[in-house]
N, C-alpha and C. Protein backbone atom coordinates (compact mmCIF):
# COMPACT_ATOMS: atom_id res chain seq x y z
N MET A 1 191.93 144.72 -20.28
CA MET A 1 190.86 145.48 -19.65
C MET A 1 189.69 144.54 -19.32
N ALA A 2 189.06 144.80 -18.21
CA ALA A 2 187.96 143.95 -17.76
C ALA A 2 186.73 144.18 -18.63
N ASN A 3 185.99 143.13 -18.79
CA ASN A 3 184.76 143.19 -19.55
C ASN A 3 183.77 144.09 -18.79
N PRO A 4 183.26 145.15 -19.43
CA PRO A 4 182.36 146.06 -18.71
C PRO A 4 181.06 145.38 -18.27
N PHE A 5 180.65 144.38 -19.02
CA PHE A 5 179.44 143.67 -18.63
C PHE A 5 179.69 142.81 -17.39
N ALA A 6 180.88 142.26 -17.28
CA ALA A 6 181.23 141.48 -16.08
C ALA A 6 181.26 142.39 -14.87
N VAL A 7 181.82 143.58 -15.02
CA VAL A 7 181.85 144.55 -13.91
C VAL A 7 180.44 144.93 -13.53
N LEU A 8 179.61 145.19 -14.53
CA LEU A 8 178.21 145.54 -14.27
C LEU A 8 177.48 144.39 -13.58
N ALA A 9 177.76 143.17 -14.00
CA ALA A 9 177.13 142.01 -13.37
C ALA A 9 177.54 141.87 -11.92
N VAL A 10 178.81 142.11 -11.61
CA VAL A 10 179.29 142.03 -10.22
C VAL A 10 178.62 143.11 -9.38
N ILE A 11 178.56 144.32 -9.92
CA ILE A 11 177.93 145.42 -9.18
C ILE A 11 176.46 145.12 -8.92
N SER A 12 175.76 144.60 -9.94
CA SER A 12 174.33 144.30 -9.72
C SER A 12 174.16 143.14 -8.75
N SER A 13 175.10 142.19 -8.75
CA SER A 13 175.03 141.08 -7.78
C SER A 13 175.21 141.59 -6.36
N VAL A 14 176.12 142.53 -6.19
CA VAL A 14 176.32 143.12 -4.86
C VAL A 14 175.07 143.89 -4.44
N GLY A 15 174.47 144.61 -5.39
CA GLY A 15 173.23 145.34 -5.09
C GLY A 15 172.10 144.40 -4.72
N LYS A 16 172.00 143.28 -5.43
CA LYS A 16 170.96 142.28 -5.13
C LYS A 16 171.19 141.68 -3.74
N ALA A 17 172.46 141.40 -3.42
CA ALA A 17 172.77 140.85 -2.10
C ALA A 17 172.42 141.85 -1.00
N TYR A 18 172.71 143.12 -1.23
CA TYR A 18 172.37 144.15 -0.25
C TYR A 18 170.86 144.26 -0.07
N ALA A 19 170.12 144.19 -1.18
CA ALA A 19 168.66 144.25 -1.10
C ALA A 19 168.11 143.04 -0.34
N THR A 20 168.69 141.87 -0.55
CA THR A 20 168.27 140.67 0.19
C THR A 20 168.55 140.83 1.67
N TYR A 21 169.71 141.38 1.99
CA TYR A 21 170.07 141.64 3.39
C TYR A 21 169.07 142.62 4.01
N GLN A 22 168.77 143.70 3.31
CA GLN A 22 167.84 144.70 3.83
C GLN A 22 166.43 144.12 3.99
N ALA A 23 166.04 143.22 3.09
CA ALA A 23 164.73 142.57 3.21
C ALA A 23 164.68 141.73 4.48
N GLY A 24 165.78 141.03 4.79
CA GLY A 24 165.84 140.26 6.03
C GLY A 24 165.75 141.15 7.26
N MET A 25 166.43 142.30 7.21
CA MET A 25 166.39 143.23 8.34
C MET A 25 164.98 143.83 8.49
N ALA A 26 164.34 144.12 7.36
CA ALA A 26 162.98 144.65 7.41
C ALA A 26 162.01 143.62 7.98
N GLN A 27 162.19 142.36 7.60
CA GLN A 27 161.34 141.30 8.13
C GLN A 27 161.55 141.16 9.63
N LYS A 28 162.80 141.27 10.08
CA LYS A 28 163.09 141.21 11.52
C LYS A 28 162.40 142.36 12.24
N ALA A 29 162.50 143.57 11.67
CA ALA A 29 161.86 144.73 12.29
C ALA A 29 160.34 144.54 12.36
N TYR A 30 159.77 143.94 11.32
CA TYR A 30 158.34 143.67 11.31
C TYR A 30 157.97 142.73 12.46
N TYR A 31 158.70 141.62 12.57
CA TYR A 31 158.40 140.66 13.64
C TYR A 31 158.63 141.26 15.02
N ASP A 32 159.66 142.09 15.16
CA ASP A 32 159.90 142.74 16.45
C ASP A 32 158.75 143.67 16.81
N SER A 33 158.25 144.42 15.82
CA SER A 33 157.13 145.31 16.11
C SER A 33 155.86 144.52 16.42
N GLN A 34 155.66 143.39 15.71
CA GLN A 34 154.51 142.54 16.00
C GLN A 34 154.61 141.97 17.42
N ALA A 35 155.85 141.64 17.83
CA ALA A 35 156.05 141.12 19.20
C ALA A 35 155.68 142.19 20.22
N ASP A 36 156.08 143.43 19.96
CA ASP A 36 155.75 144.51 20.89
C ASP A 36 154.24 144.76 20.95
N VAL A 37 153.60 144.71 19.79
CA VAL A 37 152.14 144.89 19.76
C VAL A 37 151.45 143.76 20.51
N ALA A 38 151.90 142.52 20.28
CA ALA A 38 151.30 141.38 20.97
C ALA A 38 151.49 141.50 22.48
N LYS A 39 152.66 141.96 22.89
CA LYS A 39 152.93 142.12 24.32
C LYS A 39 151.95 143.13 24.92
N LEU A 40 151.74 144.23 24.23
CA LEU A 40 150.80 145.24 24.73
C LEU A 40 149.36 144.73 24.73
N GLN A 41 148.99 144.00 23.69
CA GLN A 41 147.62 143.48 23.63
C GLN A 41 147.35 142.50 24.77
N TYR A 42 148.31 141.61 25.00
CA TYR A 42 148.11 140.64 26.08
C TYR A 42 148.18 141.32 27.45
N LYS A 43 148.99 142.35 27.57
CA LYS A 43 149.04 143.09 28.84
C LYS A 43 147.69 143.76 29.09
N SER A 44 147.10 144.29 28.03
CA SER A 44 145.77 144.90 28.14
C SER A 44 144.73 143.88 28.56
N LYS A 45 144.77 142.68 27.94
CA LYS A 45 143.83 141.63 28.31
C LYS A 45 144.07 141.14 29.74
N GLU A 46 145.32 141.11 30.14
CA GLU A 46 145.67 140.71 31.51
C GLU A 46 145.10 141.72 32.51
N ILE A 47 145.20 142.98 32.18
CA ILE A 47 144.64 144.02 33.06
C ILE A 47 143.13 143.91 33.13
N GLU A 48 142.50 143.60 31.98
CA GLU A 48 141.05 143.41 31.98
C GLU A 48 140.65 142.24 32.88
N ALA A 49 141.42 141.16 32.84
CA ALA A 49 141.13 140.01 33.70
C ALA A 49 141.30 140.38 35.17
N LYS A 50 142.32 141.18 35.46
CA LYS A 50 142.53 141.62 36.85
C LYS A 50 141.37 142.52 37.30
N GLU A 51 140.92 143.40 36.40
CA GLU A 51 139.79 144.27 36.73
C GLU A 51 138.52 143.45 36.93
N ALA A 52 138.37 142.38 36.16
CA ALA A 52 137.21 141.50 36.35
C ALA A 52 137.25 140.86 37.72
N GLY A 53 138.46 140.49 38.18
CA GLY A 53 138.61 139.93 39.52
C GLY A 53 138.25 140.94 40.59
N VAL A 54 138.67 142.17 40.39
CA VAL A 54 138.33 143.23 41.36
C VAL A 54 136.82 143.47 41.36
N GLU A 55 136.22 143.44 40.17
CA GLU A 55 134.77 143.62 40.09
C GLU A 55 134.03 142.49 40.80
N VAL A 56 134.53 141.28 40.70
CA VAL A 56 133.93 140.13 41.40
C VAL A 56 134.00 140.37 42.91
N LEU A 57 135.14 140.85 43.39
CA LEU A 57 135.27 141.12 44.82
C LEU A 57 134.30 142.20 45.28
N LYS A 58 134.13 143.24 44.45
CA LYS A 58 133.18 144.30 44.80
C LYS A 58 131.76 143.76 44.87
N GLN A 59 131.39 142.93 43.88
CA GLN A 59 130.04 142.35 43.87
C GLN A 59 129.84 141.41 45.06
N THR A 60 130.89 140.70 45.42
CA THR A 60 130.79 139.80 46.58
C THR A 60 130.59 140.61 47.86
N ASN A 61 131.33 141.70 47.99
CA ASN A 61 131.16 142.57 49.17
C ASN A 61 129.75 143.16 49.22
N GLU A 62 129.25 143.57 48.04
CA GLU A 62 127.89 144.12 48.01
C GLU A 62 126.86 143.06 48.40
N ALA A 63 127.05 141.84 47.91
CA ALA A 63 126.12 140.75 48.24
C ALA A 63 126.16 140.45 49.73
N LEU A 64 127.38 140.42 50.30
CA LEU A 64 127.49 140.18 51.75
C LEU A 64 126.83 141.30 52.55
N ALA A 65 127.06 142.53 52.11
CA ALA A 65 126.45 143.66 52.82
C ALA A 65 124.93 143.59 52.75
N THR A 66 124.40 143.19 51.61
CA THR A 66 122.95 143.06 51.45
C THR A 66 122.41 141.96 52.35
N ILE A 67 123.10 140.83 52.39
CA ILE A 67 122.66 139.71 53.23
C ILE A 67 122.66 140.11 54.70
N ILE A 68 123.72 140.76 55.13
CA ILE A 68 123.83 141.18 56.53
C ILE A 68 122.76 142.22 56.87
N ALA A 69 122.54 143.18 55.95
CA ALA A 69 121.55 144.23 56.20
C ALA A 69 120.14 143.64 56.27
N LYS A 70 119.83 142.71 55.39
CA LYS A 70 118.50 142.10 55.40
C LYS A 70 118.29 141.29 56.68
N ALA A 71 119.33 140.58 57.10
CA ALA A 71 119.21 139.79 58.33
C ALA A 71 119.00 140.71 59.52
N ALA A 72 119.78 141.78 59.58
CA ALA A 72 119.65 142.72 60.71
C ALA A 72 118.29 143.42 60.67
N ALA A 73 117.82 143.76 59.47
CA ALA A 73 116.53 144.44 59.35
C ALA A 73 115.39 143.50 59.73
N GLY A 74 115.59 142.21 59.53
CA GLY A 74 114.54 141.23 59.86
C GLY A 74 114.62 140.80 61.31
N GLY A 75 115.53 141.37 62.10
CA GLY A 75 115.62 141.05 63.51
C GLY A 75 116.41 139.78 63.76
N MET A 76 117.20 139.31 62.79
CA MET A 76 118.01 138.10 62.98
C MET A 76 119.45 138.50 63.23
N LEU A 77 120.16 137.60 63.85
CA LEU A 77 121.60 137.82 63.98
C LEU A 77 122.26 137.46 62.65
N PRO A 78 123.10 138.33 62.11
CA PRO A 78 123.66 138.08 60.78
C PRO A 78 124.70 136.96 60.76
N ASN A 79 125.16 136.52 61.92
CA ASN A 79 126.18 135.47 61.95
C ASN A 79 125.62 134.13 62.42
N GLU A 80 124.32 133.93 62.22
CA GLU A 80 123.70 132.66 62.60
C GLU A 80 122.70 132.22 61.53
N GLY A 81 122.46 130.95 61.48
CA GLY A 81 121.38 130.38 60.68
C GLY A 81 121.49 130.63 59.19
N SER A 82 120.32 130.96 58.61
CA SER A 82 120.25 131.13 57.16
C SER A 82 121.05 132.34 56.68
N ALA A 83 121.18 133.36 57.50
CA ALA A 83 121.98 134.53 57.13
C ALA A 83 123.45 134.13 56.98
N LEU A 84 123.92 133.30 57.92
CA LEU A 84 125.31 132.83 57.86
C LEU A 84 125.50 131.91 56.66
N LEU A 85 124.53 131.06 56.38
CA LEU A 85 124.60 130.17 55.22
C LEU A 85 124.63 130.99 53.92
N ALA A 86 123.79 132.00 53.80
CA ALA A 86 123.76 132.85 52.61
C ALA A 86 125.10 133.57 52.43
N GLN A 87 125.69 134.01 53.55
CA GLN A 87 127.00 134.67 53.47
C GLN A 87 128.07 133.68 52.98
N SER A 88 128.04 132.48 53.51
CA SER A 88 129.02 131.46 53.11
C SER A 88 128.89 131.12 51.63
N LEU A 89 127.66 130.97 51.14
CA LEU A 89 127.44 130.67 49.73
C LEU A 89 127.91 131.83 48.84
N SER A 90 127.61 133.03 49.26
CA SER A 90 128.02 134.20 48.50
C SER A 90 129.55 134.32 48.45
N LEU A 91 130.19 134.06 49.59
CA LEU A 91 131.67 134.10 49.63
C LEU A 91 132.27 133.01 48.74
N ARG A 92 131.67 131.82 48.79
CA ARG A 92 132.20 130.73 47.98
C ARG A 92 132.10 131.06 46.49
N GLU A 93 130.95 131.55 46.06
CA GLU A 93 130.78 131.92 44.65
C GLU A 93 131.73 133.06 44.27
N GLY A 94 131.85 134.03 45.12
CA GLY A 94 132.75 135.16 44.85
C GLY A 94 134.21 134.71 44.78
N THR A 95 134.57 133.82 45.69
CA THR A 95 135.95 133.31 45.70
C THR A 95 136.23 132.51 44.43
N GLU A 96 135.28 131.67 44.04
CA GLU A 96 135.47 130.88 42.81
C GLU A 96 135.61 131.79 41.59
N ASP A 97 134.74 132.79 41.50
CA ASP A 97 134.82 133.73 40.38
C ASP A 97 136.14 134.50 40.39
N PHE A 98 136.57 134.90 41.57
CA PHE A 98 137.84 135.62 41.68
C PHE A 98 139.01 134.73 41.26
N GLN A 99 138.99 133.47 41.69
CA GLN A 99 140.07 132.54 41.32
C GLN A 99 140.09 132.29 39.81
N ILE A 100 138.92 132.22 39.22
CA ILE A 100 138.84 132.06 37.77
C ILE A 100 139.45 133.27 37.07
N SER A 101 139.15 134.45 37.58
CA SER A 101 139.73 135.65 36.96
C SER A 101 141.25 135.67 37.13
N LYS A 102 141.77 135.18 38.26
CA LYS A 102 143.22 135.10 38.46
C LYS A 102 143.85 134.08 37.50
N ILE A 103 143.15 132.95 37.31
CA ILE A 103 143.64 131.95 36.35
C ILE A 103 143.65 132.53 34.94
N ASN A 104 142.57 133.24 34.57
CA ASN A 104 142.52 133.87 33.26
C ASN A 104 143.65 134.88 33.09
N GLU A 105 143.92 135.63 34.14
CA GLU A 105 145.00 136.61 34.10
C GLU A 105 146.35 135.92 33.86
N GLU A 106 146.58 134.83 34.56
CA GLU A 106 147.84 134.10 34.41
C GLU A 106 147.95 133.46 33.02
N ILE A 107 146.85 132.91 32.52
CA ILE A 107 146.85 132.31 31.18
C ILE A 107 147.17 133.37 30.13
N LEU A 108 146.52 134.52 30.25
CA LEU A 108 146.78 135.59 29.29
C LEU A 108 148.22 136.07 29.37
N GLN A 109 148.75 136.14 30.57
CA GLN A 109 150.15 136.55 30.72
C GLN A 109 151.07 135.53 30.04
N ASN A 110 150.82 134.24 30.26
CA ASN A 110 151.65 133.20 29.64
C ASN A 110 151.52 133.19 28.12
N LEU A 111 150.29 133.36 27.61
CA LEU A 111 150.09 133.43 26.17
C LEU A 111 150.83 134.62 25.57
N GLY A 112 150.79 135.73 26.28
CA GLY A 112 151.50 136.92 25.82
C GLY A 112 153.00 136.69 25.75
N ILE A 113 153.54 136.05 26.76
CA ILE A 113 154.98 135.76 26.78
C ILE A 113 155.34 134.81 25.64
N ILE A 114 154.52 133.79 25.43
CA ILE A 114 154.79 132.81 24.37
C ILE A 114 154.75 133.49 23.00
N GLU A 115 153.72 134.28 22.74
CA GLU A 115 153.62 134.94 21.43
C GLU A 115 154.75 135.94 21.24
N PHE A 116 155.11 136.68 22.29
CA PHE A 116 156.22 137.63 22.21
C PHE A 116 157.51 136.91 21.85
N ARG A 117 157.79 135.81 22.54
CA ARG A 117 159.03 135.06 22.27
C ARG A 117 159.01 134.45 20.87
N ASN A 118 157.88 133.91 20.46
CA ASN A 118 157.78 133.33 19.11
C ASN A 118 158.06 134.37 18.03
N LEU A 119 157.49 135.55 18.19
CA LEU A 119 157.72 136.60 17.20
C LEU A 119 159.16 137.10 17.24
N LYS A 120 159.76 137.17 18.41
CA LYS A 120 161.17 137.56 18.50
C LYS A 120 162.06 136.52 17.82
N ILE A 121 161.77 135.25 18.03
CA ILE A 121 162.54 134.19 17.38
C ILE A 121 162.35 134.26 15.86
N ALA A 122 161.12 134.51 15.42
CA ALA A 122 160.87 134.64 13.98
C ALA A 122 161.67 135.80 13.42
N GLY A 123 161.78 136.89 14.17
CA GLY A 123 162.59 138.03 13.73
C GLY A 123 164.06 137.69 13.63
N LYS A 124 164.57 136.96 14.62
CA LYS A 124 165.98 136.55 14.56
C LYS A 124 166.24 135.63 13.38
N ASN A 125 165.29 134.71 13.12
CA ASN A 125 165.44 133.80 11.98
C ASN A 125 165.36 134.56 10.66
N ALA A 126 164.47 135.54 10.57
CA ALA A 126 164.37 136.35 9.35
C ALA A 126 165.67 137.09 9.10
N LYS A 127 166.27 137.61 10.14
CA LYS A 127 167.56 138.30 10.01
C LYS A 127 168.63 137.33 9.53
N LYS A 128 168.69 136.16 10.17
CA LYS A 128 169.70 135.17 9.82
C LYS A 128 169.53 134.71 8.37
N PHE A 129 168.28 134.43 7.97
CA PHE A 129 168.05 133.97 6.61
C PHE A 129 168.28 135.08 5.59
N GLY A 130 168.05 136.32 5.98
CA GLY A 130 168.36 137.44 5.09
C GLY A 130 169.86 137.54 4.83
N ILE A 131 170.64 137.39 5.88
CA ILE A 131 172.10 137.43 5.74
C ILE A 131 172.58 136.24 4.91
N MET A 132 172.07 135.05 5.25
CA MET A 132 172.48 133.85 4.50
C MET A 132 172.07 133.95 3.03
N GLY A 133 170.87 134.41 2.78
CA GLY A 133 170.41 134.56 1.40
C GLY A 133 171.27 135.54 0.62
N ALA A 134 171.64 136.64 1.28
CA ALA A 134 172.50 137.63 0.61
C ALA A 134 173.86 137.04 0.29
N LEU A 135 174.46 136.36 1.26
CA LEU A 135 175.79 135.79 1.04
C LEU A 135 175.77 134.68 0.00
N PHE A 136 174.84 133.76 0.13
CA PHE A 136 174.78 132.65 -0.82
C PHE A 136 174.40 133.13 -2.22
N GLY A 137 173.48 134.08 -2.29
CA GLY A 137 173.10 134.63 -3.58
C GLY A 137 174.26 135.35 -4.25
N LEU A 138 175.01 136.11 -3.47
CA LEU A 138 176.18 136.81 -4.01
C LEU A 138 177.22 135.80 -4.49
N GLY A 139 177.45 134.78 -3.68
CA GLY A 139 178.42 133.76 -4.07
C GLY A 139 178.01 133.05 -5.35
N THR A 140 176.75 132.72 -5.46
CA THR A 140 176.26 132.05 -6.67
C THR A 140 176.39 132.96 -7.89
N ASP A 141 176.01 134.22 -7.72
CA ASP A 141 176.10 135.17 -8.83
C ASP A 141 177.54 135.38 -9.27
N ILE A 142 178.45 135.52 -8.33
CA ILE A 142 179.86 135.72 -8.66
C ILE A 142 180.40 134.47 -9.37
N ALA A 143 180.01 133.30 -8.88
CA ALA A 143 180.47 132.06 -9.54
C ALA A 143 179.95 131.98 -10.97
N GLU A 144 178.70 132.33 -11.18
CA GLU A 144 178.14 132.31 -12.53
C GLU A 144 178.85 133.30 -13.44
N ILE A 145 179.14 134.47 -12.92
CA ILE A 145 179.86 135.48 -13.69
C ILE A 145 181.25 134.96 -14.04
N GLY A 146 181.90 134.36 -13.06
CA GLY A 146 183.23 133.81 -13.30
C GLY A 146 183.21 132.73 -14.36
N ILE A 147 182.21 131.86 -14.30
CA ILE A 147 182.11 130.78 -15.29
C ILE A 147 181.87 131.36 -16.68
N LYS A 148 180.98 132.33 -16.77
CA LYS A 148 180.64 132.89 -18.08
C LYS A 148 181.78 133.71 -18.67
N THR A 149 182.53 134.39 -17.84
CA THR A 149 183.59 135.25 -18.37
C THR A 149 184.92 134.53 -18.53
N SER A 150 185.14 133.42 -17.86
CA SER A 150 186.42 132.75 -17.96
C SER A 150 186.41 131.53 -18.86
N THR A 151 185.27 131.15 -19.39
CA THR A 151 185.18 130.00 -20.28
C THR A 151 185.76 130.39 -21.63
N PRO A 152 186.76 129.61 -22.15
CA PRO A 152 187.33 129.97 -23.46
C PRO A 152 186.31 129.74 -24.57
N LYS A 153 186.51 130.46 -25.65
CA LYS A 153 185.61 130.35 -26.79
C LYS A 153 185.77 128.98 -27.42
N GLN A 154 184.68 128.36 -27.80
CA GLN A 154 184.69 127.07 -28.46
C GLN A 154 184.97 127.27 -29.95
N THR A 155 185.85 126.44 -30.50
CA THR A 155 186.10 126.49 -31.94
C THR A 155 185.17 125.51 -32.63
N THR A 156 185.07 125.65 -33.95
CA THR A 156 184.18 124.74 -34.66
C THR A 156 184.78 123.35 -34.78
N ASP A 157 186.12 123.27 -34.73
CA ASP A 157 186.80 121.98 -34.81
C ASP A 157 187.13 121.53 -33.40
N PRO A 158 186.48 120.48 -32.87
CA PRO A 158 186.71 120.09 -31.49
C PRO A 158 188.13 119.58 -31.24
N VAL A 159 188.79 118.97 -32.24
CA VAL A 159 190.17 118.50 -32.09
C VAL A 159 190.96 119.07 -33.27
N PRO A 160 191.60 120.23 -33.10
CA PRO A 160 192.19 120.91 -34.25
C PRO A 160 193.44 120.22 -34.82
N ASP A 161 194.18 119.42 -34.08
CA ASP A 161 195.43 118.86 -34.57
C ASP A 161 195.24 117.49 -35.21
N LYS A 162 194.10 116.94 -35.23
CA LYS A 162 193.85 115.60 -35.73
C LYS A 162 193.61 115.63 -37.24
N ASP A 163 194.10 114.63 -37.92
CA ASP A 163 193.89 114.51 -39.36
C ASP A 163 192.46 114.05 -39.57
N THR A 164 191.71 114.81 -40.34
CA THR A 164 190.30 114.51 -40.53
C THR A 164 190.01 113.81 -41.84
N THR A 165 191.04 113.38 -42.57
CA THR A 165 190.79 112.68 -43.83
C THR A 165 190.26 111.29 -43.52
N THR A 166 189.35 110.84 -44.32
CA THR A 166 188.72 109.55 -44.12
C THR A 166 189.55 108.48 -44.82
N LYS A 167 189.81 107.42 -44.13
CA LYS A 167 190.55 106.29 -44.70
C LYS A 167 189.56 105.17 -44.92
N THR A 168 189.68 104.57 -46.09
CA THR A 168 188.79 103.47 -46.41
C THR A 168 189.58 102.19 -46.50
N LYS A 169 188.93 101.12 -46.28
CA LYS A 169 189.55 99.80 -46.32
C LYS A 169 188.69 98.90 -47.20
N ASP A 170 189.34 98.10 -47.93
CA ASP A 170 188.63 97.19 -48.81
C ASP A 170 188.15 96.02 -47.96
N ILE A 171 186.85 95.89 -47.81
CA ILE A 171 186.33 94.82 -46.96
C ILE A 171 186.24 93.49 -47.70
N THR A 172 186.48 93.52 -49.00
CA THR A 172 186.43 92.27 -49.77
C THR A 172 187.79 91.60 -49.85
N SER A 173 188.78 92.23 -49.33
CA SER A 173 190.15 91.71 -49.38
C SER A 173 190.23 90.45 -48.53
N THR A 174 191.08 89.53 -48.94
CA THR A 174 191.28 88.30 -48.18
C THR A 174 192.44 88.43 -47.22
N GLU A 175 193.11 89.50 -47.28
CA GLU A 175 194.21 89.72 -46.33
C GLU A 175 193.62 90.18 -45.00
N GLY A 176 194.27 89.85 -43.96
CA GLY A 176 193.80 90.33 -42.67
C GLY A 176 194.12 89.36 -41.57
N PRO A 177 193.71 89.57 -40.42
CA PRO A 177 194.04 88.74 -39.30
C PRO A 177 193.36 87.39 -39.32
N PHE A 178 192.37 87.16 -40.09
CA PHE A 178 191.66 85.89 -40.10
C PHE A 178 192.00 85.06 -41.30
């Protein structure tokens, strides 16, 4: 009959391996959810950058309209002289600000993709290490159980068939090889 403690040890080792596996799966789920949250956060920031670009365009249009209206109200042609120069400067500033907002949008998009992929990879690694930890832990536990249950009992006499009587020799004797 099998040793009940050995059976119990095997069952607990399987339970420990299953718990390690589940911990790896939970860690993967955590990283996957973090990746989804990061994706949404960066998408939100990307939309904010796009809205900032649209706001820059609106402000540029308002500035141009103001410049043109002031020139026309002052009796000047809006497409000549200082009115044209003011329009050009306003357009240049607006264009630069808009391009910066587009660059920010692209940077945020790339950062979001990078963080999403990093978290997904971390989740895959957590899953892999959970499986490996469960398998290796189970193997180690089973080997330890096997060693403990299959090792024969040690006797007090390490060599039972050997004669243990002590033989003495007279060291004062003149007989011998020399």
